[in-house]
Amino acid sequence: MKKSIVKKIACAAMAAMMLFSVGCGSSSSSSDSKSSSGSDDSLKKVQDAGKLVLGLDATFKPMGYTDENDKIVGFDIDLAEEVCKRMGVKLETYNVNWDTKEQDLNAGTIDCIWNGLSVSDERKKQMLMSEPYMNNSMVFMVNKDSGIKSKDDLKGKKVAVQNGSTAQEILKDSDIGKETTMTELATNVEAIQQLELKMVDAVFLDSVVANYEITSTGKSFEVLSDGLSEEQYAIGFKLGANELCKKIEETLKEMKKDGKVEEISKKWFGSDVTTIK
């Protein structure tokens, strides 16, 4: 009789522990469910604060960077400023360490990451990503007098790449990446400086950044015709911030329809390079 009672108590305790475990394990999915139904406060937080805090690497030309007057400018900044104007809030920028940007997002220090942020499966696990708004490709930039004409010529060479970037992930996983020495740096600016000083043989980076660097500075760089990957840019939000993401997406679509996106894009790229529909 006593053994039977003890057994029943043990079974009941085990069932309770399993129930508790399932509840904790499903908390994030429950939160996501609430967010997708429109009950998250991400948009309200921005409206109540009267500002949208945008996280960026302020060296990422031409998407968002610090100019000679110490002002944050760029294509993404112009887009964000117009979005904020239409939402009735101010834009505030916050310089993040690109290698640890997700921590600022999750801590609520910033409301979004909007700075030439490439979409990847790994990032989708760590943040909510908007619909892509622009195409990009990952390329190798070299000195014109380097004698390097294709990625096969990079075997045994030094290639600089930004820490925390998809370029870093792609290069590490590629065949050519396994045959080169990777120099990991905090920013593309540092990588390009090392290329100019011939401390590295190439930089692996976004084509948007590489082409802007060449056309705006006139420096003796060139982009190899064979890159590694096609990508898309999107805006990153904290997981569950569906309402804020939705509002910004809707505003960008309005701007596309009335011609504002085209106006901003022509200012920076000479034509409308966006994929917003």
Protein backbone atom coordinates (compact mmCIF):
# COMPACT_ATOMS: atom_id res chain seq x y z
CA MET A 1 0.00 0.00 0.00
CA LYS A 2 2.78 2.44 0.96
CA LYS A 3 4.73 1.59 -2.21
CA SER A 4 1.66 2.35 -4.32
CA ILE A 5 1.17 5.76 -2.65
CA VAL A 6 4.83 6.63 -3.08
CA LYS A 7 4.65 5.63 -6.73
CA LYS A 8 1.59 7.83 -7.32
CA ILE A 9 3.26 10.79 -5.62
CA ALA A 10 6.41 10.32 -7.71
CA CYS A 11 4.37 10.15 -10.93
CA ALA A 12 2.45 13.29 -9.98
CA ALA A 13 5.68 15.14 -9.22
CA MET A 14 7.20 14.07 -12.52
CA ALA A 15 4.11 15.24 -14.42
CA ALA A 16 4.27 18.62 -12.69
CA MET A 17 7.95 19.00 -13.57
CA MET A 18 7.22 18.17 -17.22
CA LEU A 19 4.40 20.72 -17.34
CA PHE A 20 6.67 23.41 -15.87
CA SER A 21 9.41 22.54 -18.35
CA VAL A 22 7.06 22.78 -21.35
CA GLY A 23 5.75 26.15 -20.15
CA CYS A 24 9.25 27.66 -19.91
CA GLY A 25 10.32 26.19 -23.21
CA SER A 26 7.32 27.62 -25.03
CA SER A 27 7.57 31.12 -23.59
CA SER A 28 9.40 32.52 -26.62
CA SER A 29 6.97 30.99 -29.11
CA SER A 30 4.08 32.28 -27.03
CA SER A 31 5.63 35.74 -27.12
CA ASP A 32 6.05 35.51 -30.89
CA SER A 33 2.42 34.48 -31.22
CA LYS A 34 1.27 37.51 -29.23
CA SER A 35 3.48 39.76 -31.30
CA SER A 36 2.18 38.45 -34.61
CA SER A 37 -1.40 39.02 -33.43
CA GLY A 38 -0.60 42.69 -32.90
CA SER A 39 -0.19 42.86 -29.12
CA ASP A 40 3.53 43.67 -28.97
CA ASP A 41 4.44 47.19 -27.85
CA SER A 42 7.39 47.81 -30.21
CA LEU A 43 5.59 50.49 -32.22
CA LYS A 44 3.99 52.08 -29.14
CA LYS A 45 7.43 52.28 -27.47
CA VAL A 46 8.77 54.32 -30.40
CA GLN A 47 5.66 56.52 -30.56
CA ASP A 48 5.69 57.18 -26.81
CA ALA A 49 9.40 58.01 -26.87
CA GLY A 50 8.91 60.24 -29.91
CA LYS A 51 12.00 58.76 -31.56
CA LEU A 52 13.34 55.77 -33.44
CA VAL A 53 16.84 54.73 -32.34
CA LEU A 54 18.72 53.35 -35.33
CA GLY A 55 21.83 51.25 -34.76
CA LEU A 56 24.64 51.44 -37.30
CA ASP A 57 28.34 51.05 -38.00
CA ALA A 58 29.03 54.71 -38.77
CA THR A 59 31.82 53.87 -41.23
CA PHE A 60 29.66 52.00 -43.74
CA LYS A 61 29.69 54.19 -46.86
CA PRO A 62 27.34 54.97 -48.53
CA MET A 63 24.63 53.39 -46.37
CA GLY A 64 25.32 55.21 -43.09
CA TYR A 65 28.56 56.92 -42.07
CA THR A 66 30.14 59.97 -40.43
CA ASP A 67 31.03 62.70 -42.93
CA GLU A 68 33.74 65.38 -42.75
CA ASN A 69 31.42 67.57 -40.68
CA ASP A 70 31.00 64.81 -38.10
CA LYS A 71 27.41 64.26 -39.20
CA ILE A 72 25.81 60.85 -39.77
CA VAL A 73 24.71 60.69 -43.41
CA GLY A 74 23.98 58.03 -46.03
CA PHE A 75 21.37 56.32 -48.16
CA ASP A 76 19.86 54.36 -45.27
CA ILE A 77 19.90 57.46 -43.10
CA ASP A 78 17.95 59.47 -45.70
CA LEU A 79 15.40 56.66 -45.98
CA ALA A 80 15.08 56.39 -42.19
CA GLU A 81 14.72 60.15 -41.73
CA GLU A 82 11.83 60.28 -44.21
CA VAL A 83 10.19 57.25 -42.57
CA CYS A 84 10.45 58.90 -39.16
CA LYS A 85 9.05 62.17 -40.52
CA ARG A 86 5.98 60.33 -41.81
CA MET A 87 5.62 58.43 -38.54
CA GLY A 88 5.77 61.66 -36.55
CA VAL A 89 8.93 60.76 -34.62
CA LYS A 90 12.56 61.86 -34.65
CA LEU A 91 15.45 59.75 -35.88
CA GLU A 92 18.27 59.12 -33.42
CA THR A 93 21.39 57.22 -34.49
CA TYR A 94 23.48 55.02 -32.21
CA ASN A 95 26.92 53.72 -33.20
CA VAL A 96 27.21 50.00 -32.47
CA ASN A 97 30.03 47.49 -32.55
CA TRP A 98 29.03 45.45 -35.60
CA ASP A 99 30.35 42.27 -34.01
CA THR A 100 27.96 42.62 -31.03
CA LYS A 101 25.06 44.57 -32.58
CA GLU A 102 22.52 41.91 -31.63
CA GLN A 103 23.19 42.57 -27.95
CA ASP A 104 22.18 46.24 -28.33
CA LEU A 105 19.05 45.17 -30.17
CA ASN A 106 18.00 42.62 -27.56
CA ALA A 107 18.78 44.99 -24.68
CA GLY A 108 16.48 47.63 -26.18
CA THR A 109 19.33 50.14 -26.57
CA ILE A 110 18.33 50.47 -30.23
CA ASP A 111 15.01 49.89 -32.00
CA CYS A 112 16.47 48.59 -35.24
CA ILE A 113 19.65 47.94 -37.20
CA TRP A 114 19.41 49.79 -40.51
CA ASN A 115 22.80 49.97 -42.15
CA GLY A 116 23.34 47.73 -45.16
CA LEU A 117 22.34 44.70 -43.08
CA SER A 118 22.53 41.56 -45.21
CA VAL A 119 19.89 38.88 -44.81
CA SER A 120 21.16 35.46 -43.69
CA ASP A 121 19.64 32.37 -42.11
CA GLU A 122 21.79 32.85 -39.03
CA ARG A 123 20.62 36.44 -38.56
CA LYS A 124 16.99 35.39 -38.96
CA LYS A 125 17.45 33.27 -35.82
CA GLN A 126 18.69 36.28 -33.86
CA MET A 127 16.45 39.08 -35.13
CA LEU A 128 13.26 39.85 -37.01
CA MET A 129 14.14 40.98 -40.52
CA SER A 130 12.02 43.22 -42.73
CA GLU A 131 11.24 42.56 -46.37
CA PRO A 132 14.47 43.14 -48.36
CA TYR A 133 14.75 46.61 -49.90
CA MET A 134 17.95 46.37 -51.94
CA ASN A 135 20.17 43.79 -53.67
CA ASN A 136 23.87 43.41 -52.98
CA SER A 137 26.72 41.06 -53.84
CA MET A 138 29.89 40.10 -51.98
CA VAL A 139 33.07 40.85 -53.92
CA PHE A 140 36.86 41.02 -53.71
CA MET A 141 38.48 44.43 -54.10
CA VAL A 142 42.20 44.60 -54.92
CA ASN A 143 44.83 47.15 -55.93
CA LYS A 144 44.93 47.59 -59.70
CA ASP A 145 48.68 46.91 -59.80
CA SER A 146 48.42 43.72 -57.71
CA GLY A 147 48.37 41.33 -60.65
CA ILE A 148 45.34 39.63 -59.10
CA LYS A 149 42.69 39.15 -61.79
CA SER A 150 40.46 36.42 -60.35
CA LYS A 151 39.70 34.83 -57.00
CA ASP A 152 41.92 31.88 -57.93
CA ASP A 153 44.87 34.31 -57.83
CA LEU A 154 44.09 34.91 -54.15
CA LYS A 155 45.30 31.47 -53.04
CA GLY A 156 47.92 31.93 -50.36
CA LYS A 157 47.16 35.66 -50.09
CA LYS A 158 45.90 37.84 -47.22
CA VAL A 159 42.25 38.90 -47.39
CA ALA A 160 40.75 41.46 -45.00
CA VAL A 161 37.13 41.20 -43.84
CA GLN A 162 34.90 42.93 -41.29
CA ASN A 163 34.18 41.14 -38.01
CA GLY A 164 30.53 40.21 -37.50
CA SER A 165 29.68 40.62 -41.19
CA THR A 166 28.10 38.11 -43.55
CA ALA A 167 31.24 38.60 -45.65
CA GLN A 168 33.19 36.99 -42.81
CA GLU A 169 30.77 34.04 -42.65
CA ILE A 170 30.73 33.54 -46.43
CA LEU A 171 34.52 33.72 -46.80
CA LYS A 172 35.10 31.27 -43.95
CA ASP A 173 32.75 28.73 -45.53
CA SER A 174 34.08 29.12 -49.07
CA ASP A 175 36.74 27.05 -50.79
CA ILE A 176 38.87 30.11 -51.55
CA GLY A 177 38.55 31.20 -47.91
CA LYS A 178 40.23 27.99 -46.82
CA GLU A 179 43.17 28.76 -49.12
CA THR A 180 43.74 32.34 -47.94
CA THR A 181 44.83 34.01 -44.71
CA MET A 182 41.91 35.98 -43.30
CA THR A 183 42.58 39.29 -41.54
CA GLU A 184 39.51 40.15 -39.43
CA LEU A 185 39.04 43.84 -38.66
CA ALA A 186 36.43 45.96 -36.87
CA THR A 187 35.37 48.01 -39.92
CA ASN A 188 35.59 48.06 -43.71
CA VAL A 189 37.39 51.40 -43.41
CA GLU A 190 40.30 49.69 -41.64
CA ALA A 191 40.26 46.89 -44.20
CA ILE A 192 40.42 49.34 -47.11
CA GLN A 193 43.22 51.28 -45.41
CA GLN A 194 45.24 48.09 -45.08
CA LEU A 195 44.62 47.31 -48.73
CA GLU A 196 45.85 50.77 -49.76
CA LEU A 197 48.98 50.28 -47.64
CA LYS A 198 49.39 46.81 -49.20
CA MET A 199 49.29 45.14 -45.79
CA VAL A 200 46.66 42.80 -47.27
CA ASP A 201 46.15 41.62 -50.84
CA ALA A 202 42.38 42.02 -51.02
CA VAL A 203 39.27 43.03 -49.13
CA PHE A 204 36.11 40.92 -49.23
CA LEU A 205 33.12 43.21 -48.79
CA ASP A 206 29.79 44.45 -50.14
CA SER A 207 29.80 45.53 -53.79
CA VAL A 208 27.81 48.63 -52.77
CA VAL A 209 30.67 49.71 -50.49
CA ALA A 210 33.44 48.74 -52.91
CA ASN A 211 31.95 50.54 -55.90
CA TYR A 212 31.18 53.66 -53.86
CA GLU A 213 34.75 53.73 -52.53
CA ILE A 214 36.17 53.54 -56.04
CA THR A 215 33.87 56.14 -57.63
CA SER A 216 33.93 58.62 -54.74
CA THR A 217 37.67 58.57 -53.98
CA GLY A 218 39.23 57.73 -57.33
CA LYS A 219 41.70 55.42 -55.56
CA SER A 220 43.46 52.77 -57.62
CA PHE A 221 41.25 49.83 -56.64
CA GLU A 222 39.26 47.42 -58.76
CA VAL A 223 36.61 44.77 -58.11
CA LEU A 224 37.24 41.22 -59.35
CA SER A 225 34.57 39.96 -61.73
CA ASP A 226 34.09 36.72 -59.81
CA GLY A 227 32.62 37.25 -56.34
CA LEU A 228 31.11 34.70 -54.00
CA SER A 229 27.52 35.49 -53.13
CA GLU A 230 24.41 37.48 -54.00
CA GLU A 231 22.64 39.06 -51.04
CA GLN A 232 19.82 41.39 -50.03
CA TYR A 233 19.67 44.22 -47.51
CA ALA A 234 16.91 44.39 -44.89
CA ILE A 235 16.19 46.15 -41.59
CA GLY A 236 16.75 44.16 -38.38
CA PHE A 237 14.45 44.35 -35.35
CA LYS A 238 14.25 42.55 -32.02
CA LEU A 239 12.46 39.22 -32.32
CA GLY A 240 8.76 39.83 -31.75
CA ALA A 241 8.79 43.51 -32.80
CA ASN A 242 6.31 42.80 -35.57
CA GLU A 243 4.28 45.99 -35.24
CA LEU A 244 7.27 48.33 -35.63
CA CYS A 245 8.59 46.29 -38.55
CA LYS A 246 5.18 46.32 -40.25
CA LYS A 247 4.77 50.09 -39.84
CA ILE A 248 8.19 50.84 -41.34
CA GLU A 249 7.60 48.43 -44.23
CA GLU A 250 4.26 50.11 -44.98
CA THR A 251 5.85 53.57 -44.85
CA LEU A 252 8.63 52.54 -47.24
CA LYS A 253 6.03 51.21 -49.69
CA GLU A 254 4.19 54.54 -49.53
CA MET A 255 7.47 56.32 -50.23
CA LYS A 256 8.11 54.04 -53.20
CA LYS A 257 4.70 54.83 -54.67
CA ASP A 258 4.99 58.60 -54.34
CA GLY A 259 8.55 58.71 -55.73
CA LYS A 260 10.47 59.60 -52.56
CA VAL A 261 12.49 56.36 -52.54
CA GLU A 262 13.54 56.95 -56.15
CA GLU A 263 14.56 60.52 -55.31
CA ILE A 264 16.76 59.37 -52.42
CA SER A 265 18.25 56.48 -54.41
CA LYS A 266 19.15 58.74 -57.35
CA LYS A 267 20.94 61.08 -54.95
CA TRP A 268 23.27 58.28 -53.82
CA PHE A 269 23.43 55.85 -56.75
CA GLY A 270 22.23 57.75 -59.82
CA SER A 271 19.19 55.51 -60.27
CA ASP A 272 16.57 53.66 -58.22
CA VAL A 273 18.42 50.55 -57.08
CA THR A 274 15.83 49.50 -54.51
CA THR A 275 13.61 46.42 -54.67
CA ILE A 276 10.70 47.86 -52.65
CA LYS A 277 7.33 47.10 -54.25
